[in-house]
């Protein structure tokens, strides 16, 4: 009989120490989603549905458990940020798994402990090491996962995205079943191509639009306010000028944060406490076209 690996022994010890019980969080009011509406104004459709489902959960004594969500939209539209922001609103853990070019399922399911360098999958790791049974798990760019019939990275999703079968999800490394039925799944994709129809049937699909100019201004202002808090720049003007917002509306929030950070540096160097339009400098072709959050 092959001896168990030290990593597997350590993981079992951690499981015993942390026990089998985990918290299941549920916001106390539908108002918990208000900050997400503010920070992600182009996600109104999915938020409206989540608010209704949360209202149903609050009206009864059941937990808040909805079907997996697929966010479909152009690159940079803010899909990953939305999932992270939801986890904060729900007061639970967050796990990010990039499916881009993922060629094997062991990242999700774990690999056999008999293999060299084997370890548990991301799902077991999050549930065992985390405090909550209902973390938000984002599977990013799911349409870009690739594999073979023998090693399909999407194979585990058929079980995990189904409420009845996800209660006994099997991780290959620890060789035990885990209840993954409370996970809130957020999948992102740029296109439906490459996603099997049986998986699509397990999800609620939402098309996420690029933000309007007004929404872009809100997003830019929120990013700016966050930077001021992060950098403790208490002397700076709290609001952005219209001219600054107009320039920022042409880029994605990924670029917005970097551009605003650079702009604050330019303003400080000029001994100013207000950003001006000339502080907003684009790099690498940024600002040529709008791609959203």
C-alpha atoms as a PDB file:
ATOM      1  CA  UNK A   1       0.000   0.000   0.000  1.00  0.00           C
ATOM      2  CA  UNK A   2       1.417   3.371  -1.029  1.00  0.00           C
ATOM      3  CA  UNK A   3       2.142   5.786   1.811  1.00  0.00           C
ATOM      4  CA  UNK A   4       0.170   9.003   1.842  1.00  0.00           C
ATOM      5  CA  UNK A   5       2.036  12.128   0.842  1.00  0.00           C
ATOM      6  CA  UNK A   6       2.979  14.692   3.516  1.00  0.00           C
ATOM      7  CA  UNK A   7       0.804  17.276   1.736  1.00  0.00           C
ATOM      8  CA  UNK A   8      -2.222  15.009   1.915  1.00  0.00           C
ATOM      9  CA  UNK A   9      -1.600  14.282   5.604  1.00  0.00           C
ATOM     10  CA  UNK A  10      -1.343  18.002   6.283  1.00  0.00           C
ATOM     11  CA  UNK A  11      -4.556  18.665   4.414  1.00  0.00           C
ATOM     12  CA  UNK A  12      -6.403  15.964   6.380  1.00  0.00           C
ATOM     13  CA  UNK A  13      -5.129  17.487   9.609  1.00  0.00           C
ATOM     14  CA  UNK A  14      -6.390  20.876   8.505  1.00  0.00           C
ATOM     15  CA  UNK A  15      -9.793  19.393   7.681  1.00  0.00           C
ATOM     16  CA  UNK A  16     -10.007  17.815  11.127  1.00  0.00           C
ATOM     17  CA  UNK A  17      -8.928  21.014  12.838  1.00  0.00           C
ATOM     18  CA  UNK A  18     -11.385  23.236  10.967  1.00  0.00           C
ATOM     19  CA  UNK A  19     -14.252  20.741  11.221  1.00  0.00           C
ATOM     20  CA  UNK A  20     -17.115  20.111   8.824  1.00  0.00           C
ATOM     21  CA  UNK A  21     -19.307  23.100   9.715  1.00  0.00           C
ATOM     22  CA  UNK A  22     -19.185  26.334   7.688  1.00  0.00           C
ATOM     23  CA  UNK A  23     -21.182  29.543   7.882  1.00  0.00           C
ATOM     24  CA  UNK A  24     -23.818  30.264   5.248  1.00  0.00           C
ATOM     25  CA  UNK A  25     -24.178  34.004   4.830  1.00  0.00           C
ATOM     26  CA  UNK A  26     -27.336  35.836   3.830  1.00  0.00           C
ATOM     27  CA  UNK A  27     -27.659  39.629   3.742  1.00  0.00           C
ATOM     28  CA  UNK A  28     -30.177  40.981   6.245  1.00  0.00           C
ATOM     29  CA  UNK A  29     -31.743  43.324   3.691  1.00  0.00           C
ATOM     30  CA  UNK A  30     -32.039  43.762  -0.060  1.00  0.00           C
ATOM     31  CA  UNK A  31     -30.299  47.102   0.541  1.00  0.00           C
ATOM     32  CA  UNK A  32     -27.047  45.120   0.737  1.00  0.00           C
ATOM     33  CA  UNK A  33     -27.005  45.201  -3.066  1.00  0.00           C
ATOM     34  CA  UNK A  34     -27.266  48.996  -3.293  1.00  0.00           C
ATOM     35  CA  UNK A  35     -23.467  49.554  -3.313  1.00  0.00           C
ATOM     36  CA  UNK A  36     -23.144  47.060  -6.166  1.00  0.00           C
ATOM     37  CA  UNK A  37     -25.727  48.981  -8.183  1.00  0.00           C
ATOM     38  CA  UNK A  38     -23.652  52.094  -7.607  1.00  0.00           C
ATOM     39  CA  UNK A  39     -20.275  50.582  -8.481  1.00  0.00           C
ATOM     40  CA  UNK A  40     -21.491  48.406 -11.371  1.00  0.00           C
ATOM     41  CA  UNK A  41     -24.257  50.455 -13.019  1.00  0.00           C
ATOM     42  CA  UNK A  42     -24.235  48.432 -16.242  1.00  0.00           C
ATOM     43  CA  UNK A  43     -25.180  45.219 -14.362  1.00  0.00           C
ATOM     44  CA  UNK A  44     -28.734  46.304 -13.566  1.00  0.00           C
ATOM     45  CA  UNK A  45     -30.441  43.296 -15.187  1.00  0.00           C
ATOM     46  CA  UNK A  46     -28.646  40.658 -13.131  1.00  0.00           C
ATOM     47  CA  UNK A  47     -28.842  42.778  -9.972  1.00  0.00           C
ATOM     48  CA  UNK A  48     -32.602  43.217 -10.364  1.00  0.00           C
ATOM     49  CA  UNK A  49     -33.024  39.433 -10.488  1.00  0.00           C
ATOM     50  CA  UNK A  50     -30.693  38.882  -7.536  1.00  0.00           C
ATOM     51  CA  UNK A  51     -32.611  41.462  -5.517  1.00  0.00           C
ATOM     52  CA  UNK A  52     -35.877  39.599  -6.157  1.00  0.00           C
ATOM     53  CA  UNK A  53     -34.337  36.261  -5.186  1.00  0.00           C
ATOM     54  CA  UNK A  54     -32.833  37.803  -2.074  1.00  0.00           C
ATOM     55  CA  UNK A  55     -36.230  39.225  -1.181  1.00  0.00           C
ATOM     56  CA  UNK A  56     -37.730  35.733  -1.459  1.00  0.00           C
ATOM     57  CA  UNK A  57     -34.992  34.310   0.752  1.00  0.00           C
ATOM     58  CA  UNK A  58     -35.561  37.032   3.362  1.00  0.00           C
ATOM     59  CA  UNK A  59     -39.321  36.431   3.315  1.00  0.00           C
ATOM     60  CA  UNK A  60     -38.752  32.835   4.396  1.00  0.00           C
ATOM     61  CA  UNK A  61     -36.199  30.966   6.446  1.00  0.00           C
ATOM     62  CA  UNK A  62     -34.294  29.352   3.563  1.00  0.00           C
ATOM     63  CA  UNK A  63     -30.826  30.367   2.496  1.00  0.00           C
ATOM     64  CA  UNK A  64     -30.022  32.579  -0.464  1.00  0.00           C
ATOM     65  CA  UNK A  65     -29.115  30.135  -3.186  1.00  0.00           C
ATOM     66  CA  UNK A  66     -29.596  30.971  -6.860  1.00  0.00           C
ATOM     67  CA  UNK A  67     -28.709  29.181 -10.048  1.00  0.00           C
ATOM     68  CA  UNK A  68     -25.265  29.816 -11.567  1.00  0.00           C
ATOM     69  CA  UNK A  69     -24.900  33.076 -13.473  1.00  0.00           C
ATOM     70  CA  UNK A  70     -23.132  33.465 -16.813  1.00  0.00           C
ATOM     71  CA  UNK A  71     -22.091  37.043 -17.570  1.00  0.00           C
ATOM     72  CA  UNK A  72     -21.678  37.496 -21.293  1.00  0.00           C
ATOM     73  CA  UNK A  73     -19.953  40.635 -22.567  1.00  0.00           C
ATOM     74  CA  UNK A  74     -16.997  42.224 -24.280  1.00  0.00           C
ATOM     75  CA  UNK A  75     -13.537  42.133 -22.659  1.00  0.00           C
ATOM     76  CA  UNK A  76     -13.179  44.767 -19.980  1.00  0.00           C
ATOM     77  CA  UNK A  77     -16.891  45.168 -19.317  1.00  0.00           C
ATOM     78  CA  UNK A  78     -16.338  44.513 -15.576  1.00  0.00           C
ATOM     79  CA  UNK A  79     -17.516  40.927 -15.200  1.00  0.00           C
ATOM     80  CA  UNK A  80     -14.800  39.778 -12.805  1.00  0.00           C
ATOM     81  CA  UNK A  81     -15.017  42.935 -10.722  1.00  0.00           C
ATOM     82  CA  UNK A  82     -18.766  42.378 -10.431  1.00  0.00           C
ATOM     83  CA  UNK A  83     -18.245  38.896  -8.971  1.00  0.00           C
ATOM     84  CA  UNK A  84     -15.739  40.222  -6.452  1.00  0.00           C
ATOM     85  CA  UNK A  85     -18.075  43.042  -5.481  1.00  0.00           C
ATOM     86  CA  UNK A  86     -20.930  40.567  -4.954  1.00  0.00           C
ATOM     87  CA  UNK A  87     -18.848  38.560  -2.493  1.00  0.00           C
ATOM     88  CA  UNK A  88     -18.325  41.707  -0.425  1.00  0.00           C
ATOM     89  CA  UNK A  89     -22.045  42.508  -0.502  1.00  0.00           C
ATOM     90  CA  UNK A  90     -22.882  38.975   0.649  1.00  0.00           C
ATOM     91  CA  UNK A  91     -20.142  38.987   3.297  1.00  0.00           C
ATOM     92  CA  UNK A  92     -18.561  35.787   2.024  1.00  0.00           C
ATOM     93  CA  UNK A  93     -15.323  34.455   0.508  1.00  0.00           C
ATOM     94  CA  UNK A  94     -14.220  34.993  -3.072  1.00  0.00           C
ATOM     95  CA  UNK A  95     -12.383  32.589  -5.365  1.00  0.00           C
ATOM     96  CA  UNK A  96     -11.144  33.371  -8.867  1.00  0.00           C
ATOM     97  CA  UNK A  97     -10.330  30.611 -11.363  1.00  0.00           C
ATOM     98  CA  UNK A  98      -9.055  31.551 -14.808  1.00  0.00           C
ATOM     99  CA  UNK A  99     -10.349  29.119 -17.399  1.00  0.00           C
ATOM    100  CA  UNK A 100      -8.303  30.733 -20.169  1.00  0.00           C
ATOM    101  CA  UNK A 101      -6.281  27.972 -21.856  1.00  0.00           C
ATOM    102  CA  UNK A 102      -7.039  25.608 -18.965  1.00  0.00           C
ATOM    103  CA  UNK A 103      -6.346  22.188 -20.466  1.00  0.00           C
ATOM    104  CA  UNK A 104      -7.091  19.859 -17.548  1.00  0.00           C
ATOM    105  CA  UNK A 105      -9.760  19.584 -14.905  1.00  0.00           C
ATOM    106  CA  UNK A 106      -7.480  18.930 -11.926  1.00  0.00           C
ATOM    107  CA  UNK A 107      -7.353  22.672 -11.129  1.00  0.00           C
ATOM    108  CA  UNK A 108     -10.999  22.278 -10.132  1.00  0.00           C
ATOM    109  CA  UNK A 109     -11.213  18.617  -9.129  1.00  0.00           C
ATOM    110  CA  UNK A 110      -7.727  18.063  -7.695  1.00  0.00           C
ATOM    111  CA  UNK A 111      -5.279  15.435  -8.883  1.00  0.00           C
ATOM    112  CA  UNK A 112      -4.758  11.945  -7.562  1.00  0.00           C
ATOM    113  CA  UNK A 113      -2.557  11.844  -4.457  1.00  0.00           C
ATOM    114  CA  UNK A 114      -0.506   9.117  -6.155  1.00  0.00           C
ATOM    115  CA  UNK A 115       0.796  11.626  -8.697  1.00  0.00           C
ATOM    116  CA  UNK A 116       3.985  13.563  -8.121  1.00  0.00           C
ATOM    117  CA  UNK A 117       3.225  17.127  -7.068  1.00  0.00           C
ATOM    118  CA  UNK A 118      -0.469  16.341  -6.589  1.00  0.00           C
ATOM    119  CA  UNK A 119      -2.696  18.779  -4.709  1.00  0.00           C
ATOM    120  CA  UNK A 120      -6.344  19.427  -4.058  1.00  0.00           C
ATOM    121  CA  UNK A 121      -8.514  21.406  -6.432  1.00  0.00           C
ATOM    122  CA  UNK A 122      -9.550  25.021  -6.010  1.00  0.00           C
ATOM    123  CA  UNK A 123     -13.061  24.118  -4.866  1.00  0.00           C
ATOM    124  CA  UNK A 124     -12.004  21.814  -2.036  1.00  0.00           C
ATOM    125  CA  UNK A 125      -9.275  24.252  -1.032  1.00  0.00           C
ATOM    126  CA  UNK A 126     -11.717  27.164  -0.796  1.00  0.00           C
ATOM    127  CA  UNK A 127     -14.343  25.214   1.148  1.00  0.00           C
ATOM    128  CA  UNK A 128     -11.864  23.631   3.560  1.00  0.00           C
ATOM    129  CA  UNK A 129      -9.685  26.669   4.181  1.00  0.00           C
ATOM    130  CA  UNK A 130     -12.461  29.255   4.071  1.00  0.00           C
ATOM    131  CA  UNK A 131     -15.048  30.134   6.693  1.00  0.00           C
ATOM    132  CA  UNK A 132     -18.118  29.932   4.467  1.00  0.00           C
ATOM    133  CA  UNK A 133     -20.073  27.237   2.665  1.00  0.00           C
ATOM    134  CA  UNK A 134     -21.349  29.736   0.091  1.00  0.00           C
ATOM    135  CA  UNK A 135     -18.346  31.570  -1.367  1.00  0.00           C
ATOM    136  CA  UNK A 136     -18.627  33.411  -4.661  1.00  0.00           C
ATOM    137  CA  UNK A 137     -16.555  31.488  -7.214  1.00  0.00           C
ATOM    138  CA  UNK A 138     -15.778  33.214 -10.504  1.00  0.00           C
ATOM    139  CA  UNK A 139     -14.814  31.041 -13.470  1.00  0.00           C
ATOM    140  CA  UNK A 140     -13.282  33.563 -15.845  1.00  0.00           C
ATOM    141  CA  UNK A 141     -13.415  33.237 -19.645  1.00  0.00           C
ATOM    142  CA  UNK A 142     -15.011  29.828 -19.466  1.00  0.00           C
ATOM    143  CA  UNK A 143     -15.382  29.613 -23.250  1.00  0.00           C
ATOM    144  CA  UNK A 144     -11.571  29.539 -23.601  1.00  0.00           C
ATOM    145  CA  UNK A 145     -11.066  26.335 -21.620  1.00  0.00           C
ATOM    146  CA  UNK A 146      -9.611  23.617 -23.821  1.00  0.00           C
ATOM    147  CA  UNK A 147      -8.927  19.939 -23.397  1.00  0.00           C
ATOM    148  CA  UNK A 148      -9.558  16.462 -24.681  1.00  0.00           C
ATOM    149  CA  UNK A 149     -12.177  13.820 -24.113  1.00  0.00           C
ATOM    150  CA  UNK A 150      -9.853  12.246 -21.544  1.00  0.00           C
ATOM    151  CA  UNK A 151      -9.102  15.539 -19.756  1.00  0.00           C
ATOM    152  CA  UNK A 152     -11.952  18.001 -20.181  1.00  0.00           C
ATOM    153  CA  UNK A 153     -11.590  21.023 -17.855  1.00  0.00           C
ATOM    154  CA  UNK A 154     -15.336  21.605 -18.083  1.00  0.00           C
ATOM    155  CA  UNK A 155     -16.296  18.054 -17.120  1.00  0.00           C
ATOM    156  CA  UNK A 156     -16.533  18.803 -13.402  1.00  0.00           C
ATOM    157  CA  UNK A 157     -18.923  21.695 -14.056  1.00  0.00           C
ATOM    158  CA  UNK A 158     -21.691  19.323 -15.105  1.00  0.00           C
ATOM    159  CA  UNK A 159     -21.775  18.081 -11.512  1.00  0.00           C
ATOM    160  CA  UNK A 160     -20.898  21.314  -9.732  1.00  0.00           C
ATOM    161  CA  UNK A 161     -23.529  23.471 -11.455  1.00  0.00           C
ATOM    162  CA  UNK A 162     -26.354  21.028 -10.705  1.00  0.00           C
ATOM    163  CA  UNK A 163     -27.894  21.379  -7.202  1.00  0.00           C
ATOM    164  CA  UNK A 164     -28.655  17.672  -6.771  1.00  0.00           C
ATOM    165  CA  UNK A 165     -25.188  16.400  -7.711  1.00  0.00           C
ATOM    166  CA  UNK A 166     -23.060  19.201  -6.234  1.00  0.00           C
ATOM    167  CA  UNK A 167     -23.881  17.999  -2.713  1.00  0.00           C
ATOM    168  CA  UNK A 168     -21.343  15.189  -3.149  1.00  0.00           C
ATOM    169  CA  UNK A 169     -18.563  16.710  -5.219  1.00  0.00           C
ATOM    170  CA  UNK A 170     -15.516  14.433  -5.197  1.00  0.00           C
ATOM    171  CA  UNK A 171     -12.025  15.901  -4.986  1.00  0.00           C
ATOM    172  CA  UNK A 172      -9.456  13.454  -6.364  1.00  0.00           C
ATOM    173  CA  UNK A 173      -6.638  14.556  -4.067  1.00  0.00           C
ATOM    174  CA  UNK A 174      -8.385  14.144  -0.730  1.00  0.00           C
ATOM    175  CA  UNK A 175     -10.544  11.291  -2.119  1.00  0.00           C
ATOM    176  CA  UNK A 176     -13.593  12.515  -0.221  1.00  0.00           C
ATOM    177  CA  UNK A 177     -16.974  13.960  -1.125  1.00  0.00           C
ATOM    178  CA  UNK A 178     -17.623  17.620  -0.293  1.00  0.00           C
ATOM    179  CA  UNK A 179     -20.901  19.535  -0.255  1.00  0.00           C
ATOM    180  CA  UNK A 180     -20.440  22.284  -2.838  1.00  0.00           C
ATOM    181  CA  UNK A 181     -24.143  22.988  -3.304  1.00  0.00           C
ATOM    182  CA  UNK A 182     -24.090  26.385  -1.576  1.00  0.00           C
ATOM    183  CA  UNK A 183     -21.462  27.952  -3.849  1.00  0.00           C
ATOM    184  CA  UNK A 184     -22.610  31.017  -5.771  1.00  0.00           C
ATOM    185  CA  UNK A 185     -21.188  30.486  -9.252  1.00  0.00           C
ATOM    186  CA  UNK A 186     -20.391  33.426 -11.521  1.00  0.00           C
ATOM    187  CA  UNK A 187     -19.061  32.428 -14.932  1.00  0.00           C
ATOM    188  CA  UNK A 188     -17.794  34.965 -17.440  1.00  0.00           C
ATOM    189  CA  UNK A 189     -17.448  34.726 -21.201  1.00  0.00           C
ATOM    190  CA  UNK A 190     -16.907  36.980 -24.182  1.00  0.00           C
ATOM    191  CA  UNK A 191     -18.943  34.693 -26.431  1.00  0.00           C
ATOM    192  CA  UNK A 192     -21.169  31.616 -26.179  1.00  0.00           C
ATOM    193  CA  UNK A 193     -19.031  29.764 -28.706  1.00  0.00           C
ATOM    194  CA  UNK A 194     -17.228  26.854 -27.087  1.00  0.00           C
ATOM    195  CA  UNK A 195     -19.682  26.491 -24.191  1.00  0.00           C
ATOM    196  CA  UNK A 196     -21.641  23.205 -24.469  1.00  0.00           C
ATOM    197  CA  UNK A 197     -25.422  23.529 -24.509  1.00  0.00           C
ATOM    198  CA  UNK A 198     -25.893  21.229 -21.457  1.00  0.00           C
ATOM    199  CA  UNK A 199     -23.790  23.687 -19.427  1.00  0.00           C
ATOM    200  CA  UNK A 200     -25.718  26.683 -20.722  1.00  0.00           C
ATOM    201  CA  UNK A 201     -28.927  25.000 -19.577  1.00  0.00           C
ATOM    202  CA  UNK A 202     -27.570  24.998 -16.024  1.00  0.00           C
ATOM    203  CA  UNK A 203     -27.047  28.766 -15.936  1.00  0.00           C
ATOM    204  CA  UNK A 204     -28.913  32.053 -16.123  1.00  0.00           C
ATOM    205  CA  UNK A 205     -27.279  33.957 -18.988  1.00  0.00           C
ATOM    206  CA  UNK A 206     -27.039  37.753 -18.894  1.00  0.00           C
ATOM    207  CA  UNK A 207     -25.669  39.983 -21.623  1.00  0.00           C
ATOM    208  CA  UNK A 208     -23.732  42.788 -19.957  1.00  0.00           C
ATOM    209  CA  UNK A 209     -23.594  46.001 -21.994  1.00  0.00           C
ATOM    210  CA  UNK A 210     -20.746  48.468 -22.044  1.00  0.00           C
ATOM    211  CA  UNK A 211     -21.496  51.386 -19.725  1.00  0.00           C
ATOM    212  CA  UNK A 212     -23.071  54.513 -21.085  1.00  0.00           C
ATOM    213  CA  UNK A 213     -21.132  57.806 -20.817  1.00  0.00           C
ATOM    214  CA  UNK A 214     -23.113  58.622 -17.681  1.00  0.00           C
ATOM    215  CA  UNK A 215     -22.327  55.217 -16.171  1.00  0.00           C
ATOM    216  CA  UNK A 216     -18.657  55.557 -17.126  1.00  0.00           C
ATOM    217  CA  UNK A 217     -18.558  58.824 -15.211  1.00  0.00           C
ATOM    218  CA  UNK A 218     -19.989  57.097 -12.121  1.00  0.00           C
ATOM    219  CA  UNK A 219     -17.471  54.269 -12.393  1.00  0.00           C
ATOM    220  CA  UNK A 220     -14.557  56.691 -12.832  1.00  0.00           C
ATOM    221  CA  UNK A 221     -15.650  58.722  -9.827  1.00  0.00           C
ATOM    222  CA  UNK A 222     -15.896  55.568  -7.689  1.00  0.00           C
ATOM    223  CA  UNK A 223     -12.415  54.440  -8.743  1.00  0.00           C
ATOM    224  CA  UNK A 224     -11.047  57.908  -8.028  1.00  0.00           C
ATOM    225  CA  UNK A 225     -12.649  58.005  -4.571  1.00  0.00           C
ATOM    226  CA  UNK A 226     -11.166  54.575  -3.823  1.00  0.00           C
ATOM    227  CA  UNK A 227      -7.696  55.757  -4.831  1.00  0.00           C
ATOM    228  CA  UNK A 228      -7.956  58.808  -2.586  1.00  0.00           C
ATOM    229  CA  UNK A 229      -8.841  56.546   0.350  1.00  0.00           C
ATOM    230  CA  UNK A 230      -6.125  54.051  -0.520  1.00  0.00           C
ATOM    231  CA  UNK A 231      -3.435  56.707  -0.853  1.00  0.00           C
ATOM    232  CA  UNK A 232      -4.800  58.819   2.026  1.00  0.00           C
ATOM    233  CA  UNK A 233      -4.804  61.932  -0.151  1.00  0.00           C
ATOM    234  CA  UNK A 234      -7.108  63.907   2.121  1.00  0.00           C
ATOM    235  CA  UNK A 235      -6.259  67.304   0.643  1.00  0.00           C
ATOM    236  CA  UNK A 236      -7.402  66.425  -2.883  1.00  0.00           C
ATOM    237  CA  UNK A 237     -10.723  67.554  -4.319  1.00  0.00           C
ATOM    238  CA  UNK A 238     -13.218  64.715  -3.925  1.00  0.00           C
ATOM    239  CA  UNK A 239     -14.983  65.233  -7.243  1.00  0.00           C
ATOM    240  CA  UNK A 240     -13.599  64.963 -10.762  1.00  0.00           C
ATOM    241  CA  UNK A 241     -14.017  67.783 -13.279  1.00  0.00           C
ATOM    242  CA  UNK A 242     -16.297  67.212 -16.256  1.00  0.00           C
ATOM    243  CA  UNK A 243     -13.337  67.514 -18.621  1.00  0.00           C
ATOM    244  CA  UNK A 244     -11.525  64.717 -16.748  1.00  0.00           C
ATOM    245  CA  UNK A 245     -14.605  62.490 -16.784  1.00  0.00           C
ATOM    246  CA  UNK A 246     -15.043  63.021 -20.512  1.00  0.00           C
ATOM    247  CA  UNK A 247     -11.499  61.825 -21.180  1.00  0.00           C
ATOM    248  CA  UNK A 248     -11.864  58.832 -18.877  1.00  0.00           C
ATOM    249  CA  UNK A 249     -15.162  57.763 -20.485  1.00  0.00           C
ATOM    250  CA  UNK A 250     -13.247  56.439 -23.517  1.00  0.00           C
ATOM    251  CA  UNK A 251     -11.324  53.746 -21.593  1.00  0.00           C
ATOM    252  CA  UNK A 252     -12.050  50.703 -19.438  1.00  0.00           C
ATOM    253  CA  UNK A 253     -11.879  50.812 -15.630  1.00  0.00           C
ATOM    254  CA  UNK A 254      -8.768  48.629 -15.778  1.00  0.00           C
ATOM    255  CA  UNK A 255      -7.150  51.523 -17.636  1.00  0.00           C
ATOM    256  CA  UNK A 256      -9.079  54.069 -15.567  1.00  0.00           C
ATOM    257  CA  UNK A 257      -7.375  53.035 -12.343  1.00  0.00           C
ATOM    258  CA  UNK A 258      -3.877  53.170 -13.823  1.00  0.00           C
ATOM    259  CA  UNK A 259      -4.614  56.412 -15.660  1.00  0.00           C
ATOM    260  CA  UNK A 260      -6.037  58.052 -12.533  1.00  0.00           C
ATOM    261  CA  UNK A 261      -3.084  56.854 -10.473  1.00  0.00           C
ATOM    262  CA  UNK A 262      -0.684  58.388 -13.000  1.00  0.00           C
ATOM    263  CA  UNK A 263      -2.794  61.533 -13.107  1.00  0.00           C
ATOM    264  CA  UNK A 264      -2.619  61.947  -9.352  1.00  0.00           C
ATOM    265  CA  UNK A 265       1.152  61.649  -9.618  1.00  0.00           C
ATOM    266  CA  UNK A 266       1.241  64.386 -12.258  1.00  0.00           C
ATOM    267  CA  UNK A 267      -0.993  66.607 -10.119  1.00  0.00           C
ATOM    268  CA  UNK A 268       1.168  66.124  -7.023  1.00  0.00           C
ATOM    269  CA  UNK A 269       4.307  66.896  -9.047  1.00  0.00           C
ATOM    270  CA  UNK A 270       2.625  70.108 -10.199  1.00  0.00           C
ATOM    271  CA  UNK A 271       1.741  70.920  -6.570  1.00  0.00           C
ATOM    272  CA  UNK A 272      -1.988  70.791  -7.247  1.00  0.00           C
ATOM    273  CA  UNK A 273      -4.784  69.179  -5.224  1.00  0.00           C
ATOM    274  CA  UNK A 274      -7.148  68.805  -8.190  1.00  0.00           C
ATOM    275  CA  UNK A 275      -6.883  66.648 -11.300  1.00  0.00           C
ATOM    276  CA  UNK A 276      -6.981  68.469 -14.613  1.00  0.00           C
ATOM    277  CA  UNK A 277      -7.631  67.093 -18.074  1.00  0.00           C
ATOM    278  CA  UNK A 278      -3.931  67.388 -18.992  1.00  0.00           C
ATOM    279  CA  UNK A 279      -3.127  64.973 -16.136  1.00  0.00           C
ATOM    280  CA  UNK A 280      -5.060  62.244 -17.951  1.00  0.00           C
ATOM    281  CA  UNK A 281      -2.513  60.688 -20.272  1.00  0.00           C
ATOM    282  CA  UNK A 282      -3.202  57.514 -22.212  1.00  0.00           C
ATOM    283  CA  UNK A 283      -0.637  54.783 -22.819  1.00  0.00           C
ATOM    284  CA  UNK A 284      -0.442  51.981 -25.330  1.00  0.00           C
ATOM    285  CA  UNK A 285      -3.285  53.236 -27.472  1.00  0.00           C
ATOM    286  CA  UNK A 286      -5.690  53.665 -24.568  1.00  0.00           C
ATOM    287  CA  UNK A 287      -8.536  56.002 -25.310  1.00  0.00           C
ATOM    288  CA  UNK A 288      -8.817  55.083 -28.996  1.00  0.00           C
ATOM    289  CA  UNK A 289     -12.063  53.227 -28.486  1.00  0.00           C
ATOM    290  CA  UNK A 290     -14.457  52.508 -25.669  1.00  0.00           C
ATOM    291  CA  UNK A 291     -14.473  48.911 -24.441  1.00  0.00           C
ATOM    292  CA  UNK A 292     -16.349  49.398 -21.166  1.00  0.00           C
ATOM    293  CA  UNK A 293     -15.791  48.172 -17.611  1.00  0.00           C
END
